Amino acid sequence: MHTRHLAVTVSLLLPLTACSGNGEPGPTVTVTRTVTATPTPKAAATPSAPLKMGTKVDIVEDENDLHITVQALQYQQPYKGPQPQKPLDFQGGDTWATINVKVCNVQGSDFTVSQFPWHLSYKDSTSIQVTGSTGGDMPKPEFPMDRTVKPGRCAAGLIAFPVPGDKSPERLVYEPDGTQPTEWAIG
């Protein structure tokens, strides 16, 4: 949340009654006072409906010196490339789905990207998180885990989710810690 301080200058004319040698009022004094006001914060604008797949979103955080763009490009269920090992029982799901995403550092400080801020959300209010599984036979090219992105650079690739083959998610959600979620419609 951004807080802006607004400096307001207030001038007061205060007539002083003083005796000048000739019985007339003394000089007029102007007092200037600076007041700091904090405006009421505006609610974050969150779209009422998920964005269309492919829509690029700007995220600007002045306090962290960040300006990034985030884009969800394509959802695929089941993943149609070379198949990784079937998801394990504890991972949930019986097939792999992928989302192709891209995150760019437009300007500002370096930041680190990961698959963990992404999840799938279903109509029944359930969600599926990433497993943290990378490398090996996971779909390529993989979106990186814990990679630093410098200004003017991007990170892009596939994120795999173990999903039930008989139902499709409603939305892809990007929600880094401490930020409002951004959602793209699937289907």
N, C-alpha and C. Protein backbone atom coordinates (compact mmCIF):
# COMPACT_ATOMS: atom_id res chain seq x y z
N MET A 1 0.84 -1.15 0.00
CA MET A 1 0.00 0.00 0.00
C MET A 1 0.89 1.22 0.00
N HIS A 2 0.52 2.19 -0.78
CA HIS A 2 1.30 3.41 -0.89
C HIS A 2 0.66 4.50 -0.05
N THR A 3 1.45 5.25 0.68
CA THR A 3 0.97 6.39 1.44
C THR A 3 1.65 7.61 0.89
N ARG A 4 0.86 8.57 0.51
CA ARG A 4 1.41 9.82 0.02
C ARG A 4 1.20 10.89 1.07
N HIS A 5 2.19 11.70 1.23
CA HIS A 5 2.07 12.82 2.15
C HIS A 5 1.92 14.07 1.32
N LEU A 6 0.95 14.87 1.66
CA LEU A 6 0.65 16.07 0.93
C LEU A 6 0.96 17.25 1.82
N ALA A 7 1.80 18.12 1.35
CA ALA A 7 2.14 19.31 2.14
C ALA A 7 1.17 20.42 1.76
N VAL A 8 0.56 20.99 2.75
CA VAL A 8 -0.39 22.08 2.53
C VAL A 8 0.13 23.29 3.26
N THR A 9 0.18 24.40 2.59
CA THR A 9 0.64 25.63 3.22
C THR A 9 -0.57 26.49 3.52
N VAL A 10 -0.68 26.91 4.76
CA VAL A 10 -1.79 27.74 5.21
C VAL A 10 -1.22 29.07 5.64
N SER A 11 -1.77 30.13 5.10
CA SER A 11 -1.32 31.46 5.51
C SER A 11 -2.38 32.10 6.36
N LEU A 12 -1.98 32.65 7.48
CA LEU A 12 -2.89 33.34 8.37
C LEU A 12 -2.42 34.77 8.49
N LEU A 13 -3.35 35.69 8.32
CA LEU A 13 -3.02 37.09 8.53
C LEU A 13 -3.49 37.47 9.92
N LEU A 14 -2.59 37.78 10.74
CA LEU A 14 -2.92 38.13 12.11
C LEU A 14 -2.57 39.60 12.33
N PRO A 15 -3.60 40.41 12.50
CA PRO A 15 -3.28 41.81 12.77
C PRO A 15 -2.77 41.93 14.20
N LEU A 16 -1.71 42.62 14.36
CA LEU A 16 -1.15 42.85 15.67
C LEU A 16 -1.48 44.29 16.07
N THR A 17 -1.95 44.41 17.26
CA THR A 17 -2.22 45.75 17.75
C THR A 17 -1.03 46.15 18.59
N ALA A 18 -0.32 47.05 18.09
CA ALA A 18 0.85 47.52 18.82
C ALA A 18 0.88 49.03 18.72
N CYS A 19 1.51 49.57 19.63
CA CYS A 19 1.58 51.01 19.61
C CYS A 19 2.80 51.42 18.82
N SER A 20 2.54 52.06 17.73
CA SER A 20 3.67 52.68 17.06
C SER A 20 3.71 54.09 17.62
N GLY A 21 4.66 54.72 17.45
CA GLY A 21 4.83 56.03 18.07
C GLY A 21 3.71 57.01 17.76
N ASN A 22 2.95 56.80 16.70
CA ASN A 22 1.93 57.78 16.34
C ASN A 22 0.51 57.32 16.65
N GLY A 23 0.31 56.24 17.41
CA GLY A 23 -1.01 55.77 17.82
C GLY A 23 -1.72 54.92 16.78
N GLU A 24 -1.04 54.62 15.68
CA GLU A 24 -1.67 53.77 14.66
C GLU A 24 -1.29 52.32 14.91
N PRO A 25 -2.12 51.36 14.38
CA PRO A 25 -1.80 49.94 14.58
C PRO A 25 -0.44 49.59 14.00
N GLY A 26 0.18 48.54 14.59
CA GLY A 26 1.50 48.09 14.16
C GLY A 26 1.42 47.31 12.85
N PRO A 27 2.52 46.73 12.45
CA PRO A 27 2.59 46.01 11.18
C PRO A 27 1.77 44.72 11.20
N THR A 28 1.36 44.23 10.01
CA THR A 28 0.65 42.97 9.85
C THR A 28 1.68 41.87 9.69
N VAL A 29 1.48 40.74 10.40
CA VAL A 29 2.42 39.63 10.36
C VAL A 29 1.75 38.46 9.64
N THR A 30 2.46 37.79 8.72
CA THR A 30 1.95 36.60 8.04
C THR A 30 2.66 35.40 8.62
N VAL A 31 1.86 34.43 9.10
CA VAL A 31 2.41 33.20 9.66
C VAL A 31 2.13 32.08 8.67
N THR A 32 3.15 31.33 8.28
CA THR A 32 2.98 30.21 7.36
C THR A 32 3.21 28.92 8.13
N ARG A 33 2.26 27.99 7.99
CA ARG A 33 2.35 26.72 8.70
C ARG A 33 2.22 25.59 7.69
N THR A 34 3.06 24.57 7.77
CA THR A 34 2.98 23.42 6.87
C THR A 34 2.31 22.28 7.61
N VAL A 35 1.26 21.74 6.99
CA VAL A 35 0.49 20.65 7.58
C VAL A 35 0.67 19.43 6.68
N THR A 36 0.93 18.27 7.26
CA THR A 36 1.06 17.04 6.47
C THR A 36 -0.23 16.25 6.60
N ALA A 37 -0.84 15.95 5.45
CA ALA A 37 -2.09 15.20 5.43
C ALA A 37 -1.86 13.88 4.71
N THR A 38 -2.41 12.81 5.23
CA THR A 38 -2.32 11.50 4.60
C THR A 38 -3.67 11.21 3.96
N PRO A 39 -3.70 11.05 2.62
CA PRO A 39 -4.98 10.78 1.98
C PRO A 39 -5.50 9.38 2.32
N THR A 40 -6.79 9.21 2.21
CA THR A 40 -7.39 7.90 2.45
C THR A 40 -6.90 6.95 1.36
N PRO A 41 -6.37 5.78 1.74
CA PRO A 41 -5.88 4.85 0.72
C PRO A 41 -7.02 4.34 -0.14
N LYS A 42 -6.72 4.15 -1.41
CA LYS A 42 -7.70 3.62 -2.34
C LYS A 42 -7.65 2.10 -2.30
N ALA A 43 -8.79 1.49 -2.43
CA ALA A 43 -8.83 0.02 -2.47
C ALA A 43 -8.15 -0.44 -3.75
N ALA A 44 -7.44 -1.54 -3.66
CA ALA A 44 -6.78 -2.09 -4.84
C ALA A 44 -7.83 -2.50 -5.85
N ALA A 45 -7.56 -2.17 -7.09
CA ALA A 45 -8.50 -2.53 -8.15
C ALA A 45 -8.30 -3.99 -8.51
N THR A 46 -9.31 -4.78 -8.27
CA THR A 46 -9.24 -6.19 -8.63
C THR A 46 -10.36 -6.47 -9.61
N PRO A 47 -10.02 -7.09 -10.73
CA PRO A 47 -11.06 -7.36 -11.70
C PRO A 47 -12.11 -8.29 -11.12
N SER A 48 -13.37 -8.06 -11.49
CA SER A 48 -14.45 -8.90 -10.97
C SER A 48 -14.45 -10.27 -11.65
N ALA A 49 -13.93 -10.34 -12.84
CA ALA A 49 -13.87 -11.61 -13.56
C ALA A 49 -12.40 -11.90 -13.90
N PRO A 50 -12.06 -13.18 -14.02
CA PRO A 50 -10.68 -13.52 -14.39
C PRO A 50 -10.32 -12.93 -15.76
N LEU A 51 -9.03 -12.66 -15.94
CA LEU A 51 -8.53 -12.13 -17.21
C LEU A 51 -8.55 -13.21 -18.28
N LYS A 52 -8.53 -12.78 -19.51
CA LYS A 52 -8.45 -13.69 -20.64
C LYS A 52 -7.01 -14.24 -20.72
N MET A 53 -6.89 -15.52 -21.01
CA MET A 53 -5.57 -16.14 -21.16
C MET A 53 -4.77 -15.34 -22.18
N GLY A 54 -3.52 -15.04 -21.86
CA GLY A 54 -2.66 -14.25 -22.74
C GLY A 54 -2.54 -12.80 -22.31
N THR A 55 -3.44 -12.34 -21.44
CA THR A 55 -3.41 -10.95 -20.98
C THR A 55 -2.17 -10.71 -20.12
N LYS A 56 -1.48 -9.62 -20.41
CA LYS A 56 -0.29 -9.23 -19.65
C LYS A 56 -0.71 -8.25 -18.56
N VAL A 57 -0.18 -8.45 -17.34
CA VAL A 57 -0.53 -7.62 -16.20
C VAL A 57 0.72 -6.89 -15.71
N ASP A 58 0.60 -5.57 -15.50
CA ASP A 58 1.68 -4.78 -14.91
C ASP A 58 1.53 -4.78 -13.40
N ILE A 59 2.62 -5.01 -12.71
CA ILE A 59 2.64 -4.92 -11.25
C ILE A 59 3.75 -3.95 -10.88
N VAL A 60 3.38 -2.87 -10.20
CA VAL A 60 4.35 -1.86 -9.79
C VAL A 60 4.30 -1.75 -8.27
N GLU A 61 5.45 -1.90 -7.66
CA GLU A 61 5.59 -1.76 -6.21
C GLU A 61 6.68 -0.73 -5.96
N ASP A 62 6.28 0.51 -5.79
CA ASP A 62 7.26 1.58 -5.57
C ASP A 62 8.12 1.34 -4.35
N GLU A 63 7.49 0.86 -3.25
CA GLU A 63 8.26 0.67 -2.01
C GLU A 63 9.34 -0.39 -2.16
N ASN A 64 9.20 -1.32 -3.11
CA ASN A 64 10.22 -2.34 -3.35
C ASN A 64 11.02 -2.08 -4.63
N ASP A 65 10.79 -0.93 -5.26
CA ASP A 65 11.47 -0.57 -6.50
C ASP A 65 11.31 -1.66 -7.56
N LEU A 66 10.06 -2.08 -7.79
CA LEU A 66 9.78 -3.12 -8.78
C LEU A 66 8.75 -2.66 -9.80
N HIS A 67 8.97 -3.03 -11.04
CA HIS A 67 7.97 -2.92 -12.10
C HIS A 67 8.11 -4.19 -12.92
N ILE A 68 7.15 -5.09 -12.77
CA ILE A 68 7.20 -6.36 -13.49
C ILE A 68 5.93 -6.55 -14.31
N THR A 69 6.01 -7.44 -15.29
CA THR A 69 4.82 -7.87 -16.01
C THR A 69 4.69 -9.37 -15.83
N VAL A 70 3.44 -9.83 -15.74
CA VAL A 70 3.14 -11.25 -15.56
C VAL A 70 2.13 -11.63 -16.62
N GLN A 71 2.35 -12.79 -17.25
CA GLN A 71 1.47 -13.21 -18.33
C GLN A 71 1.28 -14.72 -18.29
N ALA A 72 0.02 -15.16 -18.32
CA ALA A 72 -0.31 -16.58 -18.47
C ALA A 72 -0.66 -16.78 -19.94
N LEU A 73 0.07 -17.65 -20.60
CA LEU A 73 -0.05 -17.77 -22.06
C LEU A 73 -0.96 -18.91 -22.53
N GLN A 74 -0.84 -20.10 -21.91
CA GLN A 74 -1.61 -21.24 -22.40
C GLN A 74 -1.72 -22.32 -21.32
N TYR A 75 -2.94 -22.89 -21.22
CA TYR A 75 -3.17 -24.02 -20.31
C TYR A 75 -3.36 -25.25 -21.17
N GLN A 76 -2.78 -26.38 -20.76
CA GLN A 76 -2.90 -27.63 -21.51
C GLN A 76 -3.17 -28.79 -20.56
N GLN A 77 -4.31 -29.48 -20.76
CA GLN A 77 -4.67 -30.65 -19.95
C GLN A 77 -5.30 -31.70 -20.86
N PRO A 78 -4.72 -32.87 -20.89
CA PRO A 78 -3.43 -33.27 -20.33
C PRO A 78 -2.29 -32.67 -21.14
N TYR A 79 -1.13 -32.62 -20.53
CA TYR A 79 0.06 -32.14 -21.22
C TYR A 79 0.31 -33.05 -22.41
N LYS A 80 0.51 -32.45 -23.59
CA LYS A 80 0.62 -33.24 -24.83
C LYS A 80 2.05 -33.56 -25.26
N GLY A 81 3.05 -33.13 -24.50
CA GLY A 81 4.44 -33.43 -24.83
C GLY A 81 4.84 -34.78 -24.26
N PRO A 82 6.15 -35.04 -24.25
CA PRO A 82 6.63 -36.28 -23.64
C PRO A 82 6.12 -36.37 -22.20
N GLN A 83 5.53 -37.49 -21.86
CA GLN A 83 4.87 -37.65 -20.56
C GLN A 83 5.86 -37.95 -19.45
N PRO A 84 5.79 -37.14 -18.38
CA PRO A 84 6.56 -37.49 -17.19
C PRO A 84 5.89 -38.67 -16.50
N GLN A 85 6.56 -39.21 -15.52
CA GLN A 85 5.96 -40.28 -14.71
C GLN A 85 4.61 -39.80 -14.20
N LYS A 86 3.62 -40.67 -14.18
CA LYS A 86 2.29 -40.33 -13.69
C LYS A 86 2.40 -39.77 -12.26
N PRO A 87 1.55 -38.75 -11.91
CA PRO A 87 1.62 -38.21 -10.55
C PRO A 87 1.45 -39.31 -9.51
N LEU A 88 2.18 -39.18 -8.43
CA LEU A 88 2.08 -40.13 -7.33
C LEU A 88 0.79 -39.89 -6.56
N ASP A 89 0.29 -40.90 -5.87
CA ASP A 89 -0.98 -40.80 -5.14
C ASP A 89 -1.02 -39.60 -4.18
N PHE A 90 0.07 -39.38 -3.45
CA PHE A 90 0.06 -38.29 -2.47
C PHE A 90 0.04 -36.91 -3.13
N GLN A 91 0.36 -36.82 -4.43
CA GLN A 91 0.34 -35.55 -5.13
C GLN A 91 -1.07 -35.18 -5.57
N GLY A 92 -1.97 -36.15 -5.61
CA GLY A 92 -3.32 -35.89 -6.10
C GLY A 92 -3.30 -35.88 -7.62
N GLY A 93 -4.43 -36.07 -8.20
CA GLY A 93 -4.50 -36.06 -9.66
C GLY A 93 -3.98 -37.35 -10.27
N ASP A 94 -4.36 -37.55 -11.52
CA ASP A 94 -3.93 -38.75 -12.22
C ASP A 94 -3.25 -38.44 -13.55
N THR A 95 -3.11 -37.15 -13.86
CA THR A 95 -2.43 -36.74 -15.09
C THR A 95 -1.78 -35.38 -14.85
N TRP A 96 -0.90 -35.00 -15.75
CA TRP A 96 -0.22 -33.71 -15.64
C TRP A 96 -0.87 -32.69 -16.56
N ALA A 97 -1.06 -31.49 -16.05
CA ALA A 97 -1.49 -30.34 -16.85
C ALA A 97 -0.37 -29.31 -16.76
N THR A 98 -0.25 -28.45 -17.75
CA THR A 98 0.78 -27.41 -17.72
C THR A 98 0.18 -26.05 -18.01
N ILE A 99 0.84 -25.06 -17.47
CA ILE A 99 0.53 -23.68 -17.79
C ILE A 99 1.83 -23.03 -18.25
N ASN A 100 1.78 -22.31 -19.35
CA ASN A 100 2.94 -21.61 -19.88
C ASN A 100 2.86 -20.17 -19.40
N VAL A 101 3.84 -19.71 -18.64
CA VAL A 101 3.81 -18.37 -18.05
C VAL A 101 5.10 -17.62 -18.35
N LYS A 102 5.01 -16.28 -18.23
CA LYS A 102 6.17 -15.42 -18.47
C LYS A 102 6.12 -14.27 -17.46
N VAL A 103 7.25 -14.01 -16.79
CA VAL A 103 7.37 -12.92 -15.83
C VAL A 103 8.60 -12.10 -16.24
N CYS A 104 8.41 -10.78 -16.41
CA CYS A 104 9.51 -9.91 -16.84
C CYS A 104 9.78 -8.81 -15.82
N ASN A 105 11.04 -8.48 -15.67
CA ASN A 105 11.47 -7.37 -14.82
C ASN A 105 11.62 -6.17 -15.74
N VAL A 106 10.62 -5.29 -15.75
CA VAL A 106 10.64 -4.13 -16.64
C VAL A 106 11.71 -3.15 -16.19
N GLN A 107 11.73 -2.85 -14.89
CA GLN A 107 12.76 -1.96 -14.34
C GLN A 107 12.74 -2.06 -12.83
N GLY A 108 13.81 -1.64 -12.24
CA GLY A 108 13.89 -1.65 -10.78
C GLY A 108 14.91 -2.64 -10.27
N SER A 109 14.65 -3.16 -9.08
CA SER A 109 15.56 -4.09 -8.42
C SER A 109 15.46 -5.49 -8.99
N ASP A 110 16.51 -6.28 -8.77
CA ASP A 110 16.46 -7.71 -9.09
C ASP A 110 15.38 -8.34 -8.21
N PHE A 111 14.74 -9.40 -8.70
CA PHE A 111 13.82 -10.17 -7.87
C PHE A 111 13.92 -11.63 -8.25
N THR A 112 13.38 -12.49 -7.40
CA THR A 112 13.47 -13.93 -7.60
C THR A 112 12.11 -14.49 -7.99
N VAL A 113 12.10 -15.36 -9.01
CA VAL A 113 10.86 -16.01 -9.43
C VAL A 113 10.86 -17.46 -8.97
N SER A 114 9.66 -18.01 -8.86
CA SER A 114 9.46 -19.39 -8.43
C SER A 114 8.12 -19.86 -8.98
N GLN A 115 7.91 -21.16 -8.96
CA GLN A 115 6.62 -21.73 -9.36
C GLN A 115 5.58 -21.63 -8.24
N PHE A 116 6.02 -21.45 -7.00
CA PHE A 116 5.12 -21.55 -5.86
C PHE A 116 4.00 -20.50 -5.79
N PRO A 117 4.13 -19.29 -6.35
CA PRO A 117 3.00 -18.36 -6.27
C PRO A 117 1.81 -18.73 -7.18
N TRP A 118 1.97 -19.77 -7.99
CA TRP A 118 0.94 -20.15 -8.96
C TRP A 118 0.11 -21.32 -8.44
N HIS A 119 -1.22 -21.27 -8.66
CA HIS A 119 -2.06 -22.44 -8.37
C HIS A 119 -3.29 -22.43 -9.27
N LEU A 120 -3.91 -23.60 -9.37
CA LEU A 120 -5.15 -23.76 -10.13
C LEU A 120 -6.31 -23.72 -9.17
N SER A 121 -7.40 -23.10 -9.59
CA SER A 121 -8.59 -23.00 -8.74
C SER A 121 -9.78 -23.59 -9.49
N TYR A 122 -10.56 -24.41 -8.77
CA TYR A 122 -11.70 -25.10 -9.37
C TYR A 122 -13.02 -24.49 -8.92
N LYS A 123 -14.06 -24.77 -9.70
CA LYS A 123 -15.38 -24.23 -9.42
C LYS A 123 -15.90 -24.63 -8.04
N ASP A 124 -15.50 -25.80 -7.55
CA ASP A 124 -15.96 -26.26 -6.24
C ASP A 124 -15.13 -25.69 -5.08
N SER A 125 -14.35 -24.65 -5.35
CA SER A 125 -13.51 -23.94 -4.36
C SER A 125 -12.26 -24.70 -3.94
N THR A 126 -11.94 -25.80 -4.59
CA THR A 126 -10.69 -26.50 -4.31
C THR A 126 -9.58 -25.89 -5.17
N SER A 127 -8.35 -26.15 -4.78
CA SER A 127 -7.24 -25.66 -5.59
C SER A 127 -6.13 -26.69 -5.60
N ILE A 128 -5.27 -26.57 -6.60
CA ILE A 128 -4.13 -27.47 -6.74
C ILE A 128 -2.88 -26.62 -6.81
N GLN A 129 -1.93 -26.92 -5.92
CA GLN A 129 -0.66 -26.21 -5.86
C GLN A 129 0.37 -26.95 -6.71
N VAL A 130 1.48 -26.28 -6.99
CA VAL A 130 2.59 -26.95 -7.67
C VAL A 130 3.20 -27.96 -6.70
N THR A 131 3.83 -28.97 -7.24
CA THR A 131 4.42 -30.01 -6.40
C THR A 131 5.83 -29.66 -5.93
N GLY A 132 6.48 -28.79 -6.68
CA GLY A 132 7.88 -28.49 -6.38
C GLY A 132 8.81 -29.44 -7.12
N SER A 133 8.22 -30.39 -7.86
CA SER A 133 9.03 -31.33 -8.65
C SER A 133 9.57 -30.62 -9.88
N THR A 134 10.87 -30.73 -10.08
CA THR A 134 11.49 -30.13 -11.25
C THR A 134 12.55 -31.08 -11.78
N GLY A 135 13.01 -30.77 -12.99
CA GLY A 135 14.08 -31.58 -13.59
C GLY A 135 13.56 -32.92 -14.07
N GLY A 136 14.46 -33.82 -14.37
CA GLY A 136 14.09 -35.15 -14.82
C GLY A 136 13.18 -35.12 -16.02
N ASP A 137 12.04 -35.82 -15.90
CA ASP A 137 11.14 -35.93 -17.05
C ASP A 137 9.97 -34.93 -16.99
N MET A 138 10.05 -33.92 -16.14
CA MET A 138 8.99 -32.91 -16.06
C MET A 138 8.93 -32.15 -17.39
N PRO A 139 7.74 -31.64 -17.75
CA PRO A 139 7.59 -30.93 -19.04
C PRO A 139 8.58 -29.79 -19.20
N LYS A 140 9.11 -29.69 -20.40
CA LYS A 140 10.13 -28.68 -20.72
C LYS A 140 9.59 -27.68 -21.74
N PRO A 141 10.08 -26.46 -21.75
CA PRO A 141 11.01 -25.87 -20.82
C PRO A 141 10.30 -25.51 -19.52
N GLU A 142 10.94 -25.78 -18.42
CA GLU A 142 10.34 -25.52 -17.11
C GLU A 142 10.48 -24.05 -16.72
N PHE A 143 9.42 -23.54 -16.07
CA PHE A 143 9.53 -22.23 -15.45
C PHE A 143 10.49 -22.41 -14.27
N PRO A 144 11.43 -21.50 -14.09
CA PRO A 144 12.47 -21.70 -13.07
C PRO A 144 11.96 -21.66 -11.63
N MET A 145 12.75 -22.27 -10.78
CA MET A 145 12.55 -22.22 -9.33
C MET A 145 13.70 -21.42 -8.75
N ASP A 146 13.37 -20.37 -8.01
CA ASP A 146 14.36 -19.56 -7.30
C ASP A 146 15.46 -19.00 -8.22
N ARG A 147 15.05 -18.36 -9.29
CA ARG A 147 16.00 -17.72 -10.20
C ARG A 147 15.86 -16.21 -10.09
N THR A 148 16.99 -15.52 -10.06
CA THR A 148 17.01 -14.05 -10.01
C THR A 148 16.79 -13.51 -11.42
N VAL A 149 15.89 -12.51 -11.51
CA VAL A 149 15.60 -11.86 -12.78
C VAL A 149 16.06 -10.40 -12.67
N LYS A 150 16.99 -10.02 -13.52
CA LYS A 150 17.54 -8.66 -13.52
C LYS A 150 16.67 -7.75 -14.38
N PRO A 151 16.76 -6.44 -14.19
CA PRO A 151 15.99 -5.51 -15.02
C PRO A 151 16.24 -5.74 -16.51
N GLY A 152 15.16 -5.71 -17.28
CA GLY A 152 15.26 -5.92 -18.72
C GLY A 152 15.25 -7.38 -19.13
N ARG A 153 15.12 -8.29 -18.18
CA ARG A 153 15.14 -9.74 -18.47
C ARG A 153 13.81 -10.37 -18.08
N CYS A 154 13.57 -11.60 -18.58
CA CYS A 154 12.34 -12.34 -18.30
C CYS A 154 12.66 -13.77 -17.90
N ALA A 155 11.68 -14.41 -17.28
CA ALA A 155 11.72 -15.84 -17.00
C ALA A 155 10.43 -16.41 -17.58
N ALA A 156 10.53 -17.51 -18.31
CA ALA A 156 9.35 -18.09 -18.94
C ALA A 156 9.48 -19.61 -18.97
N GLY A 157 8.35 -20.28 -19.07
CA GLY A 157 8.37 -21.73 -19.18
C GLY A 157 7.08 -22.35 -18.68
N LEU A 158 7.10 -23.68 -18.57
CA LEU A 158 5.93 -24.46 -18.17
C LEU A 158 5.96 -24.78 -16.68
N ILE A 159 4.80 -24.71 -16.07
CA ILE A 159 4.62 -25.15 -14.69
C ILE A 159 3.66 -26.33 -14.75
N ALA A 160 4.06 -27.46 -14.16
CA ALA A 160 3.24 -28.68 -14.20
C ALA A 160 2.43 -28.83 -12.91
N PHE A 161 1.18 -29.26 -13.07
CA PHE A 161 0.28 -29.51 -11.95
C PHE A 161 -0.27 -30.93 -12.06
N PRO A 162 -0.31 -31.69 -10.96
CA PRO A 162 -0.95 -33.01 -10.97
C PRO A 162 -2.46 -32.82 -10.82
N VAL A 163 -3.23 -33.07 -11.87
CA VAL A 163 -4.66 -32.77 -11.85
C VAL A 163 -5.50 -34.04 -12.08
N PRO A 164 -6.75 -34.01 -11.61
CA PRO A 164 -7.66 -35.11 -11.96
C PRO A 164 -8.06 -34.96 -13.43
N GLY A 165 -7.93 -36.03 -14.18
CA GLY A 165 -8.21 -35.97 -15.60
C GLY A 165 -9.67 -35.74 -15.95
N ASP A 166 -10.57 -35.97 -15.00
CA ASP A 166 -12.01 -35.86 -15.30
C ASP A 166 -12.61 -34.49 -15.00
N LYS A 167 -11.81 -33.53 -14.53
CA LYS A 167 -12.35 -32.18 -14.35
C LYS A 167 -11.29 -31.14 -14.66
N SER A 168 -11.76 -29.98 -15.07
CA SER A 168 -10.85 -28.90 -15.45
C SER A 168 -10.95 -27.74 -14.46
N PRO A 169 -9.83 -27.06 -14.24
CA PRO A 169 -9.88 -25.90 -13.36
C PRO A 169 -10.62 -24.75 -14.03
N GLU A 170 -11.06 -23.83 -13.21
CA GLU A 170 -11.77 -22.65 -13.70
C GLU A 170 -10.80 -21.49 -13.93
N ARG A 171 -9.76 -21.38 -13.05
CA ARG A 171 -8.86 -20.23 -13.09
C ARG A 171 -7.43 -20.64 -12.75
N LEU A 172 -6.49 -19.88 -13.31
CA LEU A 172 -5.09 -19.92 -12.89
C LEU A 172 -4.90 -18.69 -12.02
N VAL A 173 -4.26 -18.87 -10.86
CA VAL A 173 -4.08 -17.77 -9.91
C VAL A 173 -2.59 -17.55 -9.67
N TYR A 174 -2.18 -16.28 -9.74
CA TYR A 174 -0.81 -15.87 -9.40
C TYR A 174 -0.94 -15.01 -8.14
N GLU A 175 -0.32 -15.48 -7.04
CA GLU A 175 -0.49 -14.79 -5.76
C GLU A 175 0.79 -14.85 -4.92
N PRO A 176 1.77 -14.00 -5.25
CA PRO A 176 2.96 -13.94 -4.40
C PRO A 176 2.59 -13.45 -3.01
N ASP A 177 3.39 -13.78 -2.02
CA ASP A 177 3.13 -13.37 -0.64
C ASP A 177 2.88 -11.87 -0.54
N GLY A 178 1.83 -11.51 0.16
CA GLY A 178 1.55 -10.11 0.44
C GLY A 178 0.96 -9.31 -0.69
N THR A 179 0.51 -9.96 -1.77
CA THR A 179 -0.08 -9.21 -2.87
C THR A 179 -1.49 -9.71 -3.17
N GLN A 180 -2.22 -8.89 -3.90
CA GLN A 180 -3.54 -9.29 -4.34
C GLN A 180 -3.38 -10.35 -5.43
N PRO A 181 -4.28 -11.36 -5.47
CA PRO A 181 -4.16 -12.38 -6.53
C PRO A 181 -4.55 -11.82 -7.89
N THR A 182 -3.89 -12.35 -8.92
CA THR A 182 -4.25 -12.07 -10.30
C THR A 182 -4.75 -13.39 -10.89
N GLU A 183 -5.87 -13.37 -11.60
CA GLU A 183 -6.48 -14.61 -12.10
C GLU A 183 -6.71 -14.55 -13.60
N TRP A 184 -6.48 -15.68 -14.25
CA TRP A 184 -6.78 -15.84 -15.66
C TRP A 184 -7.80 -16.97 -15.80
N ALA A 185 -8.76 -16.80 -16.70
CA ALA A 185 -9.78 -17.82 -16.94
C ALA A 185 -9.16 -18.97 -17.74
N ILE A 186 -9.57 -20.18 -17.41
CA ILE A 186 -9.13 -21.37 -18.14
C ILE A 186 -10.35 -21.97 -18.82
N GLY A 187 -10.20 -22.27 -20.08
CA GLY A 187 -11.31 -22.93 -20.80
C GLY A 187 -12.05 -22.04 -21.73
